[in-house]
N, C-alpha and C. Protein backbone atom coordinates (compact mmCIF):
# COMPACT_ATOMS: atom_id res chain seq x y z
N MET A 1 0.84 -1.18 0.00
CA MET A 1 0.00 0.00 0.00
C MET A 1 0.88 1.24 0.00
N LEU A 2 0.42 2.22 -0.76
CA LEU A 2 1.15 3.46 -0.90
C LEU A 2 0.23 4.62 -0.59
N THR A 3 0.73 5.65 0.08
CA THR A 3 -0.01 6.87 0.35
C THR A 3 0.73 8.03 -0.29
N ILE A 4 0.00 8.83 -1.07
CA ILE A 4 0.57 10.05 -1.65
C ILE A 4 -0.31 11.22 -1.24
N HIS A 5 0.30 12.19 -0.58
CA HIS A 5 -0.41 13.40 -0.15
C HIS A 5 -0.59 14.31 -1.36
N LEU A 6 -1.84 14.76 -1.57
CA LEU A 6 -2.16 15.60 -2.72
C LEU A 6 -2.23 17.08 -2.36
N GLY A 7 -2.72 17.39 -1.17
CA GLY A 7 -2.89 18.79 -0.77
C GLY A 7 -3.81 18.89 0.43
N SER A 8 -4.33 20.08 0.64
CA SER A 8 -5.19 20.36 1.79
C SER A 8 -6.53 19.64 1.67
N GLU A 9 -7.03 19.18 2.80
CA GLU A 9 -8.34 18.53 2.82
C GLU A 9 -9.47 19.54 2.59
N THR A 10 -9.18 20.82 2.66
CA THR A 10 -10.21 21.85 2.43
C THR A 10 -10.13 22.44 1.03
N ASP A 11 -9.26 21.90 0.17
CA ASP A 11 -9.09 22.41 -1.19
C ASP A 11 -10.17 21.81 -2.09
N ASP A 12 -11.29 22.52 -2.21
CA ASP A 12 -12.42 22.03 -3.00
C ASP A 12 -12.06 21.85 -4.47
N ASP A 13 -11.22 22.74 -5.01
CA ASP A 13 -10.80 22.62 -6.40
C ASP A 13 -10.02 21.33 -6.63
N LEU A 14 -9.16 20.98 -5.69
CA LEU A 14 -8.39 19.73 -5.79
C LEU A 14 -9.32 18.53 -5.79
N PHE A 15 -10.32 18.53 -4.91
CA PHE A 15 -11.26 17.41 -4.86
C PHE A 15 -12.07 17.32 -6.14
N GLU A 16 -12.48 18.46 -6.69
CA GLU A 16 -13.22 18.45 -7.96
C GLU A 16 -12.35 17.92 -9.10
N ARG A 17 -11.06 18.30 -9.10
CA ARG A 17 -10.15 17.78 -10.13
C ARG A 17 -9.97 16.27 -9.96
N LEU A 18 -9.90 15.80 -8.71
CA LEU A 18 -9.81 14.36 -8.45
C LEU A 18 -11.03 13.65 -9.03
N CYS A 19 -12.21 14.17 -8.76
CA CYS A 19 -13.45 13.56 -9.29
C CYS A 19 -13.44 13.54 -10.82
N SER A 20 -13.03 14.63 -11.42
CA SER A 20 -12.98 14.71 -12.89
C SER A 20 -11.99 13.72 -13.48
N GLU A 21 -10.82 13.59 -12.87
CA GLU A 21 -9.81 12.65 -13.36
C GLU A 21 -10.30 11.21 -13.23
N VAL A 22 -10.94 10.90 -12.11
CA VAL A 22 -11.47 9.54 -11.90
C VAL A 22 -12.49 9.21 -12.98
N VAL A 23 -13.41 10.11 -13.25
CA VAL A 23 -14.41 9.89 -14.30
C VAL A 23 -13.72 9.78 -15.66
N GLY A 24 -12.73 10.63 -15.91
CA GLY A 24 -11.99 10.59 -17.17
C GLY A 24 -11.24 9.29 -17.39
N MET A 25 -10.88 8.63 -16.29
CA MET A 25 -10.19 7.34 -16.37
C MET A 25 -11.19 6.18 -16.43
N GLY A 26 -12.49 6.49 -16.53
CA GLY A 26 -13.51 5.46 -16.62
C GLY A 26 -13.96 4.93 -15.28
N GLY A 27 -13.69 5.67 -14.21
CA GLY A 27 -14.02 5.20 -12.87
C GLY A 27 -15.11 6.00 -12.21
N SER A 28 -15.29 5.72 -10.93
CA SER A 28 -16.29 6.42 -10.13
C SER A 28 -15.82 6.49 -8.68
N ILE A 29 -16.38 7.44 -7.95
CA ILE A 29 -16.13 7.53 -6.51
C ILE A 29 -17.42 7.07 -5.86
N ALA A 30 -17.36 5.92 -5.20
CA ALA A 30 -18.57 5.26 -4.74
C ALA A 30 -18.94 5.63 -3.30
N ASP A 31 -18.34 4.98 -2.36
CA ASP A 31 -18.73 5.09 -0.96
C ASP A 31 -17.91 6.17 -0.25
N SER A 32 -18.47 6.66 0.82
CA SER A 32 -17.68 7.51 1.70
C SER A 32 -17.99 7.12 3.13
N GLN A 33 -16.98 7.27 3.97
CA GLN A 33 -17.14 6.96 5.39
C GLN A 33 -16.56 8.13 6.17
N TRP A 34 -17.34 8.70 7.06
CA TRP A 34 -16.92 9.83 7.85
C TRP A 34 -16.75 9.40 9.29
N VAL A 35 -15.62 9.79 9.91
CA VAL A 35 -15.33 9.44 11.30
C VAL A 35 -14.83 10.69 12.00
N LEU A 36 -15.26 10.88 13.24
CA LEU A 36 -14.80 12.00 14.06
C LEU A 36 -14.08 11.43 15.26
N GLY A 37 -12.85 11.90 15.48
CA GLY A 37 -12.07 11.50 16.65
C GLY A 37 -11.52 12.74 17.32
N GLY A 38 -12.17 13.20 18.37
CA GLY A 38 -11.76 14.44 19.01
C GLY A 38 -12.01 15.60 18.07
N SER A 39 -10.93 16.36 17.76
CA SER A 39 -11.07 17.49 16.84
C SER A 39 -10.72 17.11 15.41
N GLN A 40 -10.45 15.84 15.19
CA GLN A 40 -9.99 15.39 13.87
C GLN A 40 -11.09 14.64 13.13
N GLU A 41 -11.36 15.09 11.88
CA GLU A 41 -12.32 14.41 11.02
C GLU A 41 -11.56 13.65 9.95
N ARG A 42 -12.13 12.51 9.56
CA ARG A 42 -11.53 11.71 8.49
C ARG A 42 -12.66 11.18 7.61
N THR A 43 -12.58 11.51 6.31
CA THR A 43 -13.55 11.00 5.35
C THR A 43 -12.80 10.16 4.33
N THR A 44 -13.26 8.94 4.15
CA THR A 44 -12.63 8.01 3.21
C THR A 44 -13.59 7.76 2.06
N TYR A 45 -13.10 7.97 0.84
CA TYR A 45 -13.88 7.75 -0.38
C TYR A 45 -13.30 6.56 -1.13
N THR A 46 -14.15 5.65 -1.59
CA THR A 46 -13.71 4.51 -2.38
C THR A 46 -13.72 4.90 -3.85
N ILE A 47 -12.58 4.76 -4.50
CA ILE A 47 -12.45 5.08 -5.92
C ILE A 47 -12.37 3.77 -6.69
N ASN A 48 -13.33 3.55 -7.57
CA ASN A 48 -13.36 2.35 -8.41
C ASN A 48 -12.91 2.73 -9.81
N LEU A 49 -11.80 2.14 -10.24
CA LEU A 49 -11.29 2.33 -11.59
C LEU A 49 -11.41 1.01 -12.34
N PRO A 50 -11.37 1.03 -13.68
CA PRO A 50 -11.42 -0.22 -14.43
C PRO A 50 -10.30 -1.19 -14.06
N THR A 51 -9.19 -0.66 -13.54
CA THR A 51 -8.03 -1.49 -13.21
C THR A 51 -7.95 -1.86 -11.74
N GLY A 52 -8.87 -1.36 -10.91
CA GLY A 52 -8.83 -1.71 -9.49
C GLY A 52 -9.44 -0.62 -8.62
N THR A 53 -9.27 -0.79 -7.31
CA THR A 53 -9.87 0.10 -6.32
C THR A 53 -8.79 0.72 -5.44
N LEU A 54 -8.97 2.01 -5.13
CA LEU A 54 -8.11 2.70 -4.18
C LEU A 54 -8.97 3.65 -3.37
N GLU A 55 -8.36 4.40 -2.46
CA GLU A 55 -9.11 5.31 -1.61
C GLU A 55 -8.54 6.72 -1.68
N ALA A 56 -9.43 7.69 -1.52
CA ALA A 56 -9.03 9.07 -1.27
C ALA A 56 -9.41 9.33 0.18
N VAL A 57 -8.48 9.89 0.95
CA VAL A 57 -8.72 10.13 2.37
C VAL A 57 -8.50 11.62 2.65
N ALA A 58 -9.53 12.27 3.17
CA ALA A 58 -9.44 13.66 3.59
C ALA A 58 -9.43 13.68 5.11
N GLU A 59 -8.33 14.16 5.69
CA GLU A 59 -8.17 14.11 7.14
C GLU A 59 -7.67 15.44 7.68
N THR A 60 -8.33 15.93 8.73
CA THR A 60 -7.94 17.17 9.37
C THR A 60 -6.48 17.09 9.79
N TYR A 61 -5.74 18.16 9.56
CA TYR A 61 -4.32 18.30 9.89
C TYR A 61 -3.41 17.46 9.01
N VAL A 62 -3.95 16.59 8.17
CA VAL A 62 -3.15 15.74 7.29
C VAL A 62 -3.32 16.17 5.85
N GLY A 63 -4.57 16.30 5.40
CA GLY A 63 -4.85 16.72 4.04
C GLY A 63 -5.55 15.64 3.25
N LEU A 64 -5.55 15.82 1.93
CA LEU A 64 -6.16 14.86 1.01
C LEU A 64 -5.08 13.95 0.46
N SER A 65 -5.27 12.66 0.59
CA SER A 65 -4.28 11.68 0.14
C SER A 65 -4.94 10.58 -0.67
N LEU A 66 -4.15 9.96 -1.53
CA LEU A 66 -4.56 8.74 -2.23
C LEU A 66 -3.87 7.57 -1.54
N VAL A 67 -4.61 6.48 -1.34
CA VAL A 67 -4.08 5.31 -0.66
C VAL A 67 -4.45 4.07 -1.46
N GLY A 68 -3.47 3.24 -1.75
CA GLY A 68 -3.75 2.00 -2.46
C GLY A 68 -2.51 1.43 -3.10
N ASP A 69 -2.73 0.53 -4.04
CA ASP A 69 -1.64 -0.09 -4.77
C ASP A 69 -0.91 0.97 -5.59
N ALA A 70 0.41 0.92 -5.59
CA ALA A 70 1.21 1.92 -6.29
C ALA A 70 0.86 2.02 -7.77
N ALA A 71 0.51 0.91 -8.39
CA ALA A 71 0.16 0.90 -9.82
C ALA A 71 -1.11 1.70 -10.10
N LEU A 72 -1.95 1.90 -9.10
CA LEU A 72 -3.17 2.70 -9.25
C LEU A 72 -2.96 4.13 -8.76
N VAL A 73 -2.24 4.27 -7.65
CA VAL A 73 -2.05 5.58 -7.02
C VAL A 73 -1.18 6.49 -7.88
N HIS A 74 -0.05 5.98 -8.36
CA HIS A 74 0.89 6.81 -9.12
C HIS A 74 0.27 7.49 -10.35
N PRO A 75 -0.42 6.76 -11.23
CA PRO A 75 -0.97 7.43 -12.42
C PRO A 75 -1.99 8.53 -12.08
N LEU A 76 -2.83 8.28 -11.10
CA LEU A 76 -3.83 9.27 -10.73
C LEU A 76 -3.17 10.48 -10.07
N ALA A 77 -2.23 10.24 -9.18
CA ALA A 77 -1.52 11.34 -8.51
C ALA A 77 -0.75 12.17 -9.53
N LYS A 78 -0.15 11.52 -10.51
CA LYS A 78 0.61 12.24 -11.53
C LYS A 78 -0.30 13.17 -12.33
N LYS A 79 -1.52 12.71 -12.64
CA LYS A 79 -2.48 13.55 -13.37
C LYS A 79 -2.88 14.76 -12.53
N LEU A 80 -3.00 14.58 -11.23
CA LEU A 80 -3.44 15.66 -10.35
C LEU A 80 -2.31 16.63 -9.99
N LEU A 81 -1.12 16.10 -9.81
CA LEU A 81 0.00 16.91 -9.35
C LEU A 81 0.90 17.39 -10.48
N GLY A 82 0.79 16.78 -11.65
CA GLY A 82 1.67 17.14 -12.76
C GLY A 82 3.11 16.88 -12.41
N THR A 83 3.96 17.86 -12.57
CA THR A 83 5.38 17.69 -12.27
C THR A 83 5.71 18.00 -10.83
N GLN A 84 4.71 18.46 -10.05
CA GLN A 84 4.93 18.77 -8.64
C GLN A 84 5.34 17.50 -7.92
N SER A 85 6.35 17.57 -7.09
CA SER A 85 6.80 16.39 -6.36
C SER A 85 5.86 16.14 -5.19
N SER A 86 5.78 14.88 -4.79
CA SER A 86 4.97 14.50 -3.66
C SER A 86 5.74 13.53 -2.78
N THR A 87 5.26 13.32 -1.59
CA THR A 87 5.92 12.39 -0.68
C THR A 87 5.19 11.06 -0.73
N ASP A 88 5.92 10.02 -1.04
CA ASP A 88 5.36 8.67 -1.03
C ASP A 88 5.69 8.06 0.30
N GLU A 89 4.71 7.47 0.94
CA GLU A 89 4.96 6.82 2.21
C GLU A 89 4.08 5.59 2.32
N PRO A 90 4.56 4.56 2.98
CA PRO A 90 3.73 3.37 3.16
C PRO A 90 2.50 3.70 3.98
N ALA A 91 1.38 3.13 3.62
CA ALA A 91 0.15 3.34 4.39
C ALA A 91 0.24 2.60 5.70
N ALA A 92 -0.30 3.20 6.74
CA ALA A 92 -0.26 2.58 8.07
C ALA A 92 -1.40 1.61 8.24
């Protein structure tokens, strides 16, 4: 599992671009799960692509991230971030 941070969890434009890219790749964003822990909110969205499933996670103080198999995460993150570098880290 790989996690790539995309940006702020409050960046509505980034989330709209994520939705557009997913649809453009022939996929959909299906389920969402919202959890509150103290002052921290976490919303997890299931992204279904023709080649597999990954998640988008919006978390207070962390931001918006893609989580899943590297073969799915990298192409989508590259479309969203372009040449901007990102930090790859193993998912916990």
